[in-house]
């Protein structure tokens, strides 16, 4: 769920006036999943919704990150980055091993 939270927080921060449907499209979530995640983020106090009462569209909301939401987004981003850096290092090591295997396999064929 943390990856979903981060993607949704990014979308909300970038496009606070988007509808839930637009955020769902932006994040690749179903509308139902987005609605569920959004409600959970609001319960945690990370996001608030401002209703534009004077708007002709009575369903118009702006979804805004609270200071707590901005802080949590930063923490999630750091955690995500650490995870991806670890994955990168593991892949880099694996690629290096594969290169060595290929190189020694080619050398054996040349000598055999």
PDB file of N, CA and C in Angstrom:
ATOM      1  N   UNK A   1       0.821  -1.202   0.000  1.00  0.00           N
ATOM      2  CA  UNK A   1       0.000   0.000   0.000  1.00  0.00           C
ATOM      3  C   UNK A   1       0.859   1.257   0.000  1.00  0.00           C
ATOM      4  N   UNK A   2       2.080   1.157   0.530  1.00  0.00           N
ATOM      5  CA  UNK A   2       2.931   2.340   0.624  1.00  0.00           C
ATOM      6  C   UNK A   2       3.248   2.928  -0.744  1.00  0.00           C
ATOM      7  N   UNK A   3       3.471   2.061  -1.738  1.00  0.00           N
ATOM      8  CA  UNK A   3       3.717   2.548  -3.096  1.00  0.00           C
ATOM      9  C   UNK A   3       2.499   3.284  -3.640  1.00  0.00           C
ATOM     10  N   UNK A   4       1.312   2.753  -3.339  1.00  0.00           N
ATOM     11  CA  UNK A   4       0.077   3.421  -3.753  1.00  0.00           C
ATOM     12  C   UNK A   4      -0.062   4.768  -3.060  1.00  0.00           C
ATOM     13  N   UNK A   5       0.264   4.798  -1.765  1.00  0.00           N
ATOM     14  CA  UNK A   5       0.189   6.057  -1.016  1.00  0.00           C
ATOM     15  C   UNK A   5       1.107   7.100  -1.635  1.00  0.00           C
ATOM     16  N   UNK A   6       2.333   6.697  -1.938  1.00  0.00           N
ATOM     17  CA  UNK A   6       3.294   7.638  -2.508  1.00  0.00           C
ATOM     18  C   UNK A   6       2.818   8.147  -3.865  1.00  0.00           C
ATOM     19  N   UNK A   7       2.357   7.248  -4.712  1.00  0.00           N
ATOM     20  CA  UNK A   7       1.858   7.675  -6.030  1.00  0.00           C
ATOM     21  C   UNK A   7       0.674   8.621  -5.902  1.00  0.00           C
ATOM     22  N   UNK A   8      -0.228   8.314  -4.993  1.00  0.00           N
ATOM     23  CA  UNK A   8      -1.397   9.163  -4.809  1.00  0.00           C
ATOM     24  C   UNK A   8      -0.993  10.521  -4.235  1.00  0.00           C
ATOM     25  N   UNK A   9      -0.104  10.528  -3.240  1.00  0.00           N
ATOM     26  CA  UNK A   9       0.357  11.803  -2.676  1.00  0.00           C
ATOM     27  C   UNK A   9       1.041  12.659  -3.732  1.00  0.00           C
ATOM     28  N   UNK A  10       1.817  12.031  -4.598  1.00  0.00           N
ATOM     29  CA  UNK A  10       2.465  12.776  -5.697  1.00  0.00           C
ATOM     30  C   UNK A  10       1.420  13.393  -6.617  1.00  0.00           C
ATOM     31  N   UNK A  11       0.426  12.600  -6.979  1.00  0.00           N
ATOM     32  CA  UNK A  11      -0.621  13.084  -7.876  1.00  0.00           C
ATOM     33  C   UNK A  11      -1.413  14.219  -7.241  1.00  0.00           C
ATOM     34  N   UNK A  12      -1.741  14.059  -5.960  1.00  0.00           N
ATOM     35  CA  UNK A  12      -2.508  15.091  -5.259  1.00  0.00           C
ATOM     36  C   UNK A  12      -1.711  16.388  -5.150  1.00  0.00           C
ATOM     37  N   UNK A  13      -0.422  16.260  -4.876  1.00  0.00           N
ATOM     38  CA  UNK A  13       0.415  17.451  -4.746  1.00  0.00           C
ATOM     39  C   UNK A  13       0.565  18.167  -6.092  1.00  0.00           C
ATOM     40  N   UNK A  14       0.709  17.384  -7.136  1.00  0.00           N
ATOM     41  CA  UNK A  14       0.906  17.934  -8.481  1.00  0.00           C
ATOM     42  C   UNK A  14      -0.380  18.518  -9.065  1.00  0.00           C
ATOM     43  N   UNK A  15      -1.498  17.876  -8.780  1.00  0.00           N
ATOM     44  CA  UNK A  15      -2.781  18.260  -9.390  1.00  0.00           C
ATOM     45  C   UNK A  15      -3.894  18.291  -8.346  1.00  0.00           C
ATOM     46  N   UNK A  16      -3.878  19.259  -7.438  1.00  0.00           N
ATOM     47  CA  UNK A  16      -4.872  19.269  -6.357  1.00  0.00           C
ATOM     48  C   UNK A  16      -6.308  19.427  -6.833  1.00  0.00           C
ATOM     49  N   UNK A  17      -6.530  19.991  -7.991  1.00  0.00           N
ATOM     50  CA  UNK A  17      -7.892  20.204  -8.484  1.00  0.00           C
ATOM     51  C   UNK A  17      -8.442  19.063  -9.314  1.00  0.00           C
ATOM     52  N   UNK A  18      -7.664  18.004  -9.506  1.00  0.00           N
ATOM     53  CA  UNK A  18      -8.149  16.856 -10.275  1.00  0.00           C
ATOM     54  C   UNK A  18      -9.315  16.192  -9.550  1.00  0.00           C
ATOM     55  N   UNK A  19     -10.186  15.593 -10.316  1.00  0.00           N
ATOM     56  CA  UNK A  19     -11.254  14.768  -9.746  1.00  0.00           C
ATOM     57  C   UNK A  19     -10.650  13.423  -9.341  1.00  0.00           C
ATOM     58  N   UNK A  20     -11.410  12.665  -8.571  1.00  0.00           N
ATOM     59  CA  UNK A  20     -10.940  11.329  -8.210  1.00  0.00           C
ATOM     60  C   UNK A  20     -10.706  10.493  -9.459  1.00  0.00           C
ATOM     61  N   UNK A  21     -11.562  10.632 -10.430  1.00  0.00           N
ATOM     62  CA  UNK A  21     -11.404   9.875 -11.679  1.00  0.00           C
ATOM     63  C   UNK A  21     -10.081  10.226 -12.368  1.00  0.00           C
ATOM     64  N   UNK A  22      -9.738  11.516 -12.373  1.00  0.00           N
ATOM     65  CA  UNK A  22      -8.488  11.945 -12.997  1.00  0.00           C
ATOM     66  C   UNK A  22      -7.278  11.436 -12.212  1.00  0.00           C
ATOM     67  N   UNK A  23      -7.374  11.476 -10.881  1.00  0.00           N
ATOM     68  CA  UNK A  23      -6.284  10.931 -10.066  1.00  0.00           C
ATOM     69  C   UNK A  23      -6.149   9.427 -10.276  1.00  0.00           C
ATOM     70  N   UNK A  24      -7.266   8.732 -10.419  1.00  0.00           N
ATOM     71  CA  UNK A  24      -7.228   7.285 -10.661  1.00  0.00           C
ATOM     72  C   UNK A  24      -6.478   7.004 -11.963  1.00  0.00           C
ATOM     73  N   UNK A  25      -6.782   7.765 -12.986  1.00  0.00           N
ATOM     74  CA  UNK A  25      -6.104   7.581 -14.277  1.00  0.00           C
ATOM     75  C   UNK A  25      -4.619   7.900 -14.149  1.00  0.00           C
ATOM     76  N   UNK A  26      -4.298   8.972 -13.453  1.00  0.00           N
ATOM     77  CA  UNK A  26      -2.910   9.413 -13.257  1.00  0.00           C
ATOM     78  C   UNK A  26      -2.081   8.360 -12.520  1.00  0.00           C
ATOM     79  N   UNK A  27      -2.684   7.706 -11.521  1.00  0.00           N
ATOM     80  CA  UNK A  27      -1.956   6.751 -10.686  1.00  0.00           C
ATOM     81  C   UNK A  27      -2.074   5.304 -11.170  1.00  0.00           C
ATOM     82  N   UNK A  28      -2.978   5.060 -12.106  1.00  0.00           N
ATOM     83  CA  UNK A  28      -3.176   3.701 -12.587  1.00  0.00           C
ATOM     84  C   UNK A  28      -4.014   2.842 -11.646  1.00  0.00           C
ATOM     85  N   UNK A  29      -4.715   3.485 -10.717  1.00  0.00           N
ATOM     86  CA  UNK A  29      -5.578   2.765  -9.777  1.00  0.00           C
ATOM     87  C   UNK A  29      -7.000   2.731 -10.318  1.00  0.00           C
ATOM     88  N   UNK A  30      -7.762   1.756  -9.830  1.00  0.00           N
ATOM     89  CA  UNK A  30      -9.191   1.789 -10.125  1.00  0.00           C
ATOM     90  C   UNK A  30      -9.790   2.930  -9.305  1.00  0.00           C
ATOM     91  N   UNK A  31     -10.941   3.409  -9.718  1.00  0.00           N
ATOM     92  CA  UNK A  31     -11.602   4.488  -8.997  1.00  0.00           C
ATOM     93  C   UNK A  31     -11.948   4.071  -7.564  1.00  0.00           C
ATOM     94  N   UNK A  32     -12.393   2.838  -7.387  1.00  0.00           N
ATOM     95  CA  UNK A  32     -12.721   2.333  -6.053  1.00  0.00           C
ATOM     96  C   UNK A  32     -11.505   2.277  -5.144  1.00  0.00           C
ATOM     97  N   UNK A  33     -10.388   1.796  -5.676  1.00  0.00           N
ATOM     98  CA  UNK A  33      -9.159   1.717  -4.883  1.00  0.00           C
ATOM     99  C   UNK A  33      -8.674   3.119  -4.524  1.00  0.00           C
ATOM    100  N   UNK A  34      -8.736   4.024  -5.484  1.00  0.00           N
ATOM    101  CA  UNK A  34      -8.310   5.394  -5.220  1.00  0.00           C
ATOM    102  C   UNK A  34      -9.175   6.010  -4.126  1.00  0.00           C
ATOM    103  N   UNK A  35     -10.475   5.810  -4.215  1.00  0.00           N
ATOM    104  CA  UNK A  35     -11.387   6.357  -3.214  1.00  0.00           C
ATOM    105  C   UNK A  35     -11.048   5.809  -1.830  1.00  0.00           C
ATOM    106  N   UNK A  36     -10.790   4.512  -1.754  1.00  0.00           N
ATOM    107  CA  UNK A  36     -10.424   3.875  -0.479  1.00  0.00           C
ATOM    108  C   UNK A  36      -9.127   4.479   0.057  1.00  0.00           C
ATOM    109  N   UNK A  37      -8.090   4.566  -0.793  1.00  0.00           N
ATOM    110  CA  UNK A  37      -6.790   5.106  -0.367  1.00  0.00           C
ATOM    111  C   UNK A  37      -6.926   6.565   0.055  1.00  0.00           C
ATOM    112  N   UNK A  38      -7.694   7.325  -0.688  1.00  0.00           N
ATOM    113  CA  UNK A  38      -7.880   8.741  -0.376  1.00  0.00           C
ATOM    114  C   UNK A  38      -8.546   8.909   0.990  1.00  0.00           C
ATOM    115  N   UNK A  39      -9.559   8.095   1.255  1.00  0.00           N
ATOM    116  CA  UNK A  39     -10.220   8.160   2.561  1.00  0.00           C
ATOM    117  C   UNK A  39      -9.250   7.814   3.678  1.00  0.00           C
ATOM    118  N   UNK A  40      -8.408   6.811   3.471  1.00  0.00           N
ATOM    119  CA  UNK A  40      -7.428   6.422   4.489  1.00  0.00           C
ATOM    120  C   UNK A  40      -6.411   7.537   4.721  1.00  0.00           C
ATOM    121  N   UNK A  41      -5.967   8.189   3.646  1.00  0.00           N
ATOM    122  CA  UNK A  41      -5.016   9.295   3.791  1.00  0.00           C
ATOM    123  C   UNK A  41      -5.656  10.468   4.526  1.00  0.00           C
ATOM    124  N   UNK A  42      -6.944  10.676   4.293  1.00  0.00           N
ATOM    125  CA  UNK A  42      -7.657  11.742   4.991  1.00  0.00           C
ATOM    126  C   UNK A  42      -7.816  11.386   6.476  1.00  0.00           C
ATOM    127  N   UNK A  43      -8.092  10.113   6.770  1.00  0.00           N
ATOM    128  CA  UNK A  43      -8.212   9.674   8.167  1.00  0.00           C
ATOM    129  C   UNK A  43      -6.886   9.835   8.912  1.00  0.00           C
ATOM    130  N   UNK A  44      -5.781   9.605   8.220  1.00  0.00           N
ATOM    131  CA  UNK A  44      -4.457   9.761   8.827  1.00  0.00           C
ATOM    132  C   UNK A  44      -4.085  11.230   9.009  1.00  0.00           C
ATOM    133  N   UNK A  45      -4.835  12.107   8.361  1.00  0.00           N
ATOM    134  CA  UNK A  45      -4.544  13.534   8.453  1.00  0.00           C
ATOM    135  C   UNK A  45      -3.502  14.005   7.456  1.00  0.00           C
ATOM    136  N   UNK A  46      -3.242  13.198   6.429  1.00  0.00           N
ATOM    137  CA  UNK A  46      -2.228  13.542   5.432  1.00  0.00           C
ATOM    138  C   UNK A  46      -2.805  14.396   4.310  1.00  0.00           C
ATOM    139  N   UNK A  47      -4.120  14.306   4.110  1.00  0.00           N
ATOM    140  CA  UNK A  47      -4.791  15.001   3.011  1.00  0.00           C
ATOM    141  C   UNK A  47      -6.076  15.607   3.541  1.00  0.00           C
ATOM    142  N   UNK A  48      -6.420  16.777   3.023  1.00  0.00           N
ATOM    143  CA  UNK A  48      -7.735  17.342   3.326  1.00  0.00           C
ATOM    144  C   UNK A  48      -8.390  17.703   2.002  1.00  0.00           C
ATOM    145  N   UNK A  49      -9.705  17.702   2.022  1.00  0.00           N
ATOM    146  CA  UNK A  49     -10.470  18.025   0.821  1.00  0.00           C
ATOM    147  C   UNK A  49     -11.223  19.323   1.068  1.00  0.00           C
ATOM    148  N   UNK A  50     -11.018  20.267   0.197  1.00  0.00           N
ATOM    149  CA  UNK A  50     -11.766  21.523   0.266  1.00  0.00           C
ATOM    150  C   UNK A  50     -12.861  21.483  -0.779  1.00  0.00           C
ATOM    151  N   UNK A  51     -14.074  21.701  -0.351  1.00  0.00           N
ATOM    152  CA  UNK A  51     -15.226  21.717  -1.246  1.00  0.00           C
ATOM    153  C   UNK A  51     -15.441  23.147  -1.743  1.00  0.00           C
ATOM    154  N   UNK A  52     -15.592  23.291  -3.037  1.00  0.00           N
ATOM    155  CA  UNK A  52     -15.881  24.606  -3.608  1.00  0.00           C
ATOM    156  C   UNK A  52     -17.384  24.800  -3.610  1.00  0.00           C
ATOM    157  N   UNK A  53     -17.913  25.334  -2.533  1.00  0.00           N
ATOM    158  CA  UNK A  53     -19.361  25.459  -2.362  1.00  0.00           C
ATOM    159  C   UNK A  53     -19.992  26.384  -3.403  1.00  0.00           C
ATOM    160  N   UNK A  54     -19.256  27.364  -3.863  1.00  0.00           N
ATOM    161  CA  UNK A  54     -19.814  28.309  -4.831  1.00  0.00           C
ATOM    162  C   UNK A  54     -19.691  27.819  -6.269  1.00  0.00           C
ATOM    163  N   UNK A  55     -19.000  26.712  -6.438  1.00  0.00           N
ATOM    164  CA  UNK A  55     -18.798  26.172  -7.775  1.00  0.00           C
ATOM    165  C   UNK A  55     -20.122  25.661  -8.336  1.00  0.00           C
ATOM    166  N   UNK A  56     -20.268  25.760  -9.651  1.00  0.00           N
ATOM    167  CA  UNK A  56     -21.453  25.189 -10.313  1.00  0.00           C
ATOM    168  C   UNK A  56     -21.438  23.673 -10.186  1.00  0.00           C
ATOM    169  N   UNK A  57     -20.244  23.115 -10.135  1.00  0.00           N
ATOM    170  CA  UNK A  57     -20.081  21.678  -9.952  1.00  0.00           C
ATOM    171  C   UNK A  57     -19.992  21.415  -8.454  1.00  0.00           C
ATOM    172  N   UNK A  58     -21.092  20.989  -7.853  1.00  0.00           N
ATOM    173  CA  UNK A  58     -21.152  20.801  -6.404  1.00  0.00           C
ATOM    174  C   UNK A  58     -20.251  19.660  -5.926  1.00  0.00           C
ATOM    175  N   UNK A  59     -19.725  18.855  -6.813  1.00  0.00           N
ATOM    176  CA  UNK A  59     -18.839  17.771  -6.437  1.00  0.00           C
ATOM    177  C   UNK A  59     -17.372  18.189  -6.555  1.00  0.00           C
ATOM    178  N   UNK A  60     -17.105  19.466  -6.837  1.00  0.00           N
ATOM    179  CA  UNK A  60     -15.731  19.929  -7.040  1.00  0.00           C
ATOM    180  C   UNK A  60     -14.990  20.017  -5.713  1.00  0.00           C
ATOM    181  N   UNK A  61     -13.850  19.376  -5.649  1.00  0.00           N
ATOM    182  CA  UNK A  61     -12.998  19.381  -4.467  1.00  0.00           C
ATOM    183  C   UNK A  61     -11.575  19.697  -4.889  1.00  0.00           C
ATOM    184  N   UNK A  62     -10.821  20.253  -3.982  1.00  0.00           N
ATOM    185  CA  UNK A  62      -9.370  20.354  -4.129  1.00  0.00           C
ATOM    186  C   UNK A  62      -8.788  19.475  -3.031  1.00  0.00           C
ATOM    187  N   UNK A  63      -7.964  18.528  -3.405  1.00  0.00           N
ATOM    188  CA  UNK A  63      -7.331  17.637  -2.447  1.00  0.00           C
ATOM    189  C   UNK A  63      -5.944  18.196  -2.156  1.00  0.00           C
ATOM    190  N   UNK A  64      -5.734  18.576  -0.900  1.00  0.00           N
ATOM    191  CA  UNK A  64      -4.498  19.240  -0.517  1.00  0.00           C
ATOM    192  C   UNK A  64      -3.744  18.415   0.507  1.00  0.00           C
ATOM    193  N   UNK A  65      -2.430  18.341   0.342  1.00  0.00           N
ATOM    194  CA  UNK A  65      -1.605  17.685   1.345  1.00  0.00           C
ATOM    195  C   UNK A  65      -1.489  18.597   2.553  1.00  0.00           C
ATOM    196  N   UNK A  66      -1.671  18.013   3.707  1.00  0.00           N
ATOM    197  CA  UNK A  66      -1.477  18.749   4.956  1.00  0.00           C
ATOM    198  C   UNK A  66       0.030  18.788   5.240  1.00  0.00           C
ATOM    199  N   UNK A  67       0.458  19.612   6.188  1.00  0.00           N
ATOM    200  CA  UNK A  67       1.886  19.573   6.556  1.00  0.00           C
ATOM    201  C   UNK A  67       2.336  18.165   6.942  1.00  0.00           C
ATOM    202  N   UNK A  68       1.478  17.434   7.646  1.00  0.00           N
ATOM    203  CA  UNK A  68       1.788  16.048   8.010  1.00  0.00           C
ATOM    204  C   UNK A  68       1.897  15.190   6.745  1.00  0.00           C
ATOM    205  N   UNK A  69       1.029  15.426   5.770  1.00  0.00           N
ATOM    206  CA  UNK A  69       1.064  14.690   4.512  1.00  0.00           C
ATOM    207  C   UNK A  69       2.345  14.952   3.730  1.00  0.00           C
ATOM    208  N   UNK A  70       2.793  16.210   3.728  1.00  0.00           N
ATOM    209  CA  UNK A  70       4.047  16.558   3.050  1.00  0.00           C
ATOM    210  C   UNK A  70       5.206  15.830   3.723  1.00  0.00           C
ATOM    211  N   UNK A  71       5.201  15.819   5.054  1.00  0.00           N
ATOM    212  CA  UNK A  71       6.248  15.135   5.812  1.00  0.00           C
ATOM    213  C   UNK A  71       6.244  13.638   5.517  1.00  0.00           C
ATOM    214  N   UNK A  72       5.079  13.027   5.530  1.00  0.00           N
ATOM    215  CA  UNK A  72       4.968  11.591   5.264  1.00  0.00           C
ATOM    216  C   UNK A  72       5.359  11.264   3.829  1.00  0.00           C
ATOM    217  N   UNK A  73       5.014  12.142   2.889  1.00  0.00           N
ATOM    218  CA  UNK A  73       5.408  11.933   1.495  1.00  0.00           C
ATOM    219  C   UNK A  73       6.926  11.922   1.380  1.00  0.00           C
ATOM    220  N   UNK A  74       7.580  12.815   2.104  1.00  0.00           N
ATOM    221  CA  UNK A  74       9.052  12.855   2.110  1.00  0.00           C
ATOM    222  C   UNK A  74       9.622  11.553   2.669  1.00  0.00           C
ATOM    223  N   UNK A  75       9.050  11.070   3.758  1.00  0.00           N
ATOM    224  CA  UNK A  75       9.521   9.818   4.364  1.00  0.00           C
ATOM    225  C   UNK A  75       9.311   8.643   3.411  1.00  0.00           C
ATOM    226  N   UNK A  76       8.141   8.587   2.778  1.00  0.00           N
ATOM    227  CA  UNK A  76       7.864   7.510   1.825  1.00  0.00           C
ATOM    228  C   UNK A  76       8.820   7.572   0.641  1.00  0.00           C
ATOM    229  N   UNK A  77       9.130   8.784   0.187  1.00  0.00           N
ATOM    230  CA  UNK A  77      10.047   8.955  -0.936  1.00  0.00           C
ATOM    231  C   UNK A  77      11.436   8.448  -0.565  1.00  0.00           C
ATOM    232  N   UNK A  78      11.899   8.778   0.625  1.00  0.00           N
ATOM    233  CA  UNK A  78      13.221   8.326   1.085  1.00  0.00           C
ATOM    234  C   UNK A  78      13.253   6.805   1.178  1.00  0.00           C
ATOM    235  N   UNK A  79      12.215   6.219   1.751  1.00  0.00           N
ATOM    236  CA  UNK A  79      12.137   4.760   1.870  1.00  0.00           C
ATOM    237  C   UNK A  79      12.123   4.115   0.488  1.00  0.00           C
ATOM    238  N   UNK A  80      11.335   4.671  -0.421  1.00  0.00           N
ATOM    239  CA  UNK A  80      11.244   4.158  -1.787  1.00  0.00           C
ATOM    240  C   UNK A  80      12.609   4.243  -2.466  1.00  0.00           C
ATOM    241  N   UNK A  81      13.275   5.371  -2.308  1.00  0.00           N
ATOM    242  CA  UNK A  81      14.580   5.564  -2.932  1.00  0.00           C
ATOM    243  C   UNK A  81      15.599   4.570  -2.387  1.00  0.00           C
ATOM    244  N   UNK A  82      15.615   4.367  -1.081  1.00  0.00           N
ATOM    245  CA  UNK A  82      16.537   3.389  -0.482  1.00  0.00           C
ATOM    246  C   UNK A  82      16.295   1.991  -1.036  1.00  0.00           C
ATOM    247  N   UNK A  83      15.032   1.631  -1.142  1.00  0.00           N
ATOM    248  CA  UNK A  83      14.665   0.305  -1.667  1.00  0.00           C
ATOM    249  C   UNK A  83      15.140   0.159  -3.109  1.00  0.00           C
ATOM    250  N   UNK A  84      14.906   1.177  -3.916  1.00  0.00           N
ATOM    251  CA  UNK A  84      15.304   1.116  -5.330  1.00  0.00           C
ATOM    252  C   UNK A  84      16.819   1.114  -5.485  1.00  0.00           C
ATOM    253  N   UNK A  85      17.531   1.831  -4.619  1.00  0.00           N
ATOM    254  CA  UNK A  85      18.991   1.832  -4.672  1.00  0.00           C
ATOM    255  C   UNK A  85      19.534   0.444  -4.314  1.00  0.00           C
ATOM    256  N   UNK A  86      18.915  -0.202  -3.347  1.00  0.00           N
ATOM    257  CA  UNK A  86      19.321  -1.556  -2.970  1.00  0.00           C
ATOM    258  C   UNK A  86      19.058  -2.525  -4.127  1.00  0.00           C
ATOM    259  N   UNK A  87      17.893  -2.406  -4.755  1.00  0.00           N
ATOM    260  CA  UNK A  87      17.583  -3.245  -5.906  1.00  0.00           C
ATOM    261  C   UNK A  87      18.589  -3.006  -7.026  1.00  0.00           C
ATOM    262  N   UNK A  88      18.948  -1.747  -7.245  1.00  0.00           N
ATOM    263  CA  UNK A  88      19.914  -1.389  -8.278  1.00  0.00           C
ATOM    264  C   UNK A  88      21.271  -2.041  -8.004  1.00  0.00           C
ATOM    265  N   UNK A  89      21.726  -1.963  -6.763  1.00  0.00           N
ATOM    266  CA  UNK A  89      23.016  -2.554  -6.405  1.00  0.00           C
ATOM    267  C   UNK A  89      22.996  -4.069  -6.588  1.00  0.00           C
ATOM    268  N   UNK A  90      21.887  -4.704  -6.220  1.00  0.00           N
ATOM    269  CA  UNK A  90      21.768  -6.152  -6.403  1.00  0.00           C
ATOM    270  C   UNK A  90      21.800  -6.512  -7.882  1.00  0.00           C
ATOM    271  N   UNK A  91      21.078  -5.753  -8.691  1.00  0.00           N
ATOM    272  CA  UNK A  91      21.080  -6.001 -10.131  1.00  0.00           C
ATOM    273  C   UNK A  91      22.459  -5.770 -10.740  1.00  0.00           C
ATOM    274  N   UNK A  92      23.114  -4.722 -10.292  1.00  0.00           N
ATOM    275  CA  UNK A  92      24.441  -4.418 -10.808  1.00  0.00           C
ATOM    276  C   UNK A  92      25.412  -5.559 -10.493  1.00  0.00           C
ATOM    277  N   UNK A  93      25.341  -6.088  -9.287  1.00  0.00           N
ATOM    278  CA  UNK A  93      26.195  -7.221  -8.905  1.00  0.00           C
ATOM    279  C   UNK A  93      25.872  -8.444  -9.746  1.00  0.00           C
ATOM    280  N   UNK A  94      24.596  -8.699  -9.935  1.00  0.00           N
ATOM    281  CA  UNK A  94      24.174  -9.860 -10.728  1.00  0.00           C
ATOM    282  C   UNK A  94      24.621  -9.716 -12.182  1.00  0.00           C
ATOM    283  N   UNK A  95      24.513  -8.535 -12.729  1.00  0.00           N
ATOM    284  CA  UNK A  95      24.957  -8.289 -14.105  1.00  0.00           C
ATOM    285  C   UNK A  95      26.460  -8.519 -14.221  1.00  0.00           C
ATOM    286  N   UNK A  96      27.203  -8.065 -13.229  1.00  0.00           N
ATOM    287  CA  UNK A  96      28.658  -8.249 -13.239  1.00  0.00           C
ATOM    288  C   UNK A  96      29.006  -9.735 -13.216  1.00  0.00           C
ATOM    289  N   UNK A  97      28.311 -10.511 -12.383  1.00  0.00           N
ATOM    290  CA  UNK A  97      28.535 -11.961 -12.352  1.00  0.00           C
ATOM    291  C   UNK A  97      28.206 -12.610 -13.687  1.00  0.00           C
ATOM    292  N   UNK A  98      27.097 -12.204 -14.287  1.00  0.00           N
ATOM    293  CA  UNK A  98      26.711 -12.761 -15.586  1.00  0.00           C
ATOM    294  C   UNK A  98      27.739 -12.413 -16.663  1.00  0.00           C
ATOM    295  N   UNK A  99      28.251 -11.204 -16.628  1.00  0.00           N
ATOM    296  CA  UNK A  99      29.295 -10.808 -17.594  1.00  0.00           C
ATOM    297  C   UNK A  99      30.524 -11.692 -17.434  1.00  0.00           C
ATOM    298  N   UNK A 100      30.901 -11.954 -16.173  1.00  0.00           N
ATOM    299  CA  UNK A 100      32.062 -12.805 -15.921  1.00  0.00           C
ATOM    300  C   UNK A 100      31.822 -14.221 -16.411  1.00  0.00           C
ATOM    301  N   UNK A 101      30.606 -14.745 -16.183  1.00  0.00           N
ATOM    302  CA  UNK A 101      30.268 -16.087 -16.661  1.00  0.00           C
ATOM    303  C   UNK A 101      30.335 -16.160 -18.178  1.00  0.00           C
ATOM    304  N   UNK A 102      29.788 -15.164 -18.833  1.00  0.00           N
ATOM    305  CA  UNK A 102      29.787 -15.142 -20.301  1.00  0.00           C
ATOM    306  C   UNK A 102      31.218 -15.028 -20.809  1.00  0.00           C
ATOM    307  N   UNK A 103      31.984 -14.168 -20.186  1.00  0.00           N
ATOM    308  CA  UNK A 103      33.365 -13.949 -20.601  1.00  0.00           C
ATOM    309  C   UNK A 103      34.195 -15.239 -20.433  1.00  0.00           C
ATOM    310  N   UNK A 104      34.058 -15.916 -19.315  1.00  0.00           N
ATOM    311  CA  UNK A 104      34.826 -17.141 -19.122  1.00  0.00           C
ATOM    312  C   UNK A 104      34.296 -18.257 -20.007  1.00  0.00           C
ATOM    313  N   UNK A 105      33.024 -18.272 -20.305  1.00  0.00           N
ATOM    314  CA  UNK A 105      32.468 -19.269 -21.221  1.00  0.00           C
ATOM    315  C   UNK A 105      32.971 -19.065 -22.631  1.00  0.00           C
ATOM    316  N   UNK A 106      33.111 -17.825 -23.058  1.00  0.00           N
ATOM    317  CA  UNK A 106      33.628 -17.499 -24.394  1.00  0.00           C
ATOM    318  C   UNK A 106      35.098 -17.873 -24.465  1.00  0.00           C
ATOM    319  N   UNK A 107      35.848 -17.605 -23.410  1.00  0.00           N
ATOM    320  CA  UNK A 107      37.276 -17.912 -23.384  1.00  0.00           C
ATOM    321  C   UNK A 107      37.506 -19.439 -23.464  1.00  0.00           C
ATOM    322  N   UNK A 108      36.660 -20.209 -22.770  1.00  0.00           N
ATOM    323  CA  UNK A 108      36.797 -21.678 -22.817  1.00  0.00           C
ATOM    324  C   UNK A 108      36.513 -22.203 -24.197  1.00  0.00           C
ATOM    325  N   UNK A 109      35.540 -21.644 -24.882  1.00  0.00           N
ATOM    326  CA  UNK A 109      35.206 -22.103 -26.227  1.00  0.00           C
ATOM    327  C   UNK A 109      36.354 -21.794 -27.179  1.00  0.00           C
ATOM    328  N   UNK A 110      36.996 -20.632 -27.005  1.00  0.00           N
ATOM    329  CA  UNK A 110      38.105 -20.251 -27.877  1.00  0.00           C
ATOM    330  C   UNK A 110      39.303 -21.164 -27.689  1.00  0.00           C
ATOM    331  N   UNK A 111      39.511 -21.671 -26.483  1.00  0.00           N
ATOM    332  CA  UNK A 111      40.676 -22.507 -26.219  1.00  0.00           C
ATOM    333  C   UNK A 111      40.365 -23.985 -26.517  1.00  0.00           C
ATOM    334  N   UNK A 112      39.084 -24.318 -26.593  1.00  0.00           N
ATOM    335  CA  UNK A 112      38.712 -25.733 -26.743  1.00  0.00           C
ATOM    336  C   UNK A 112      38.493 -26.082 -28.116  1.00  0.00           C
TER     337      UNK A 112
END
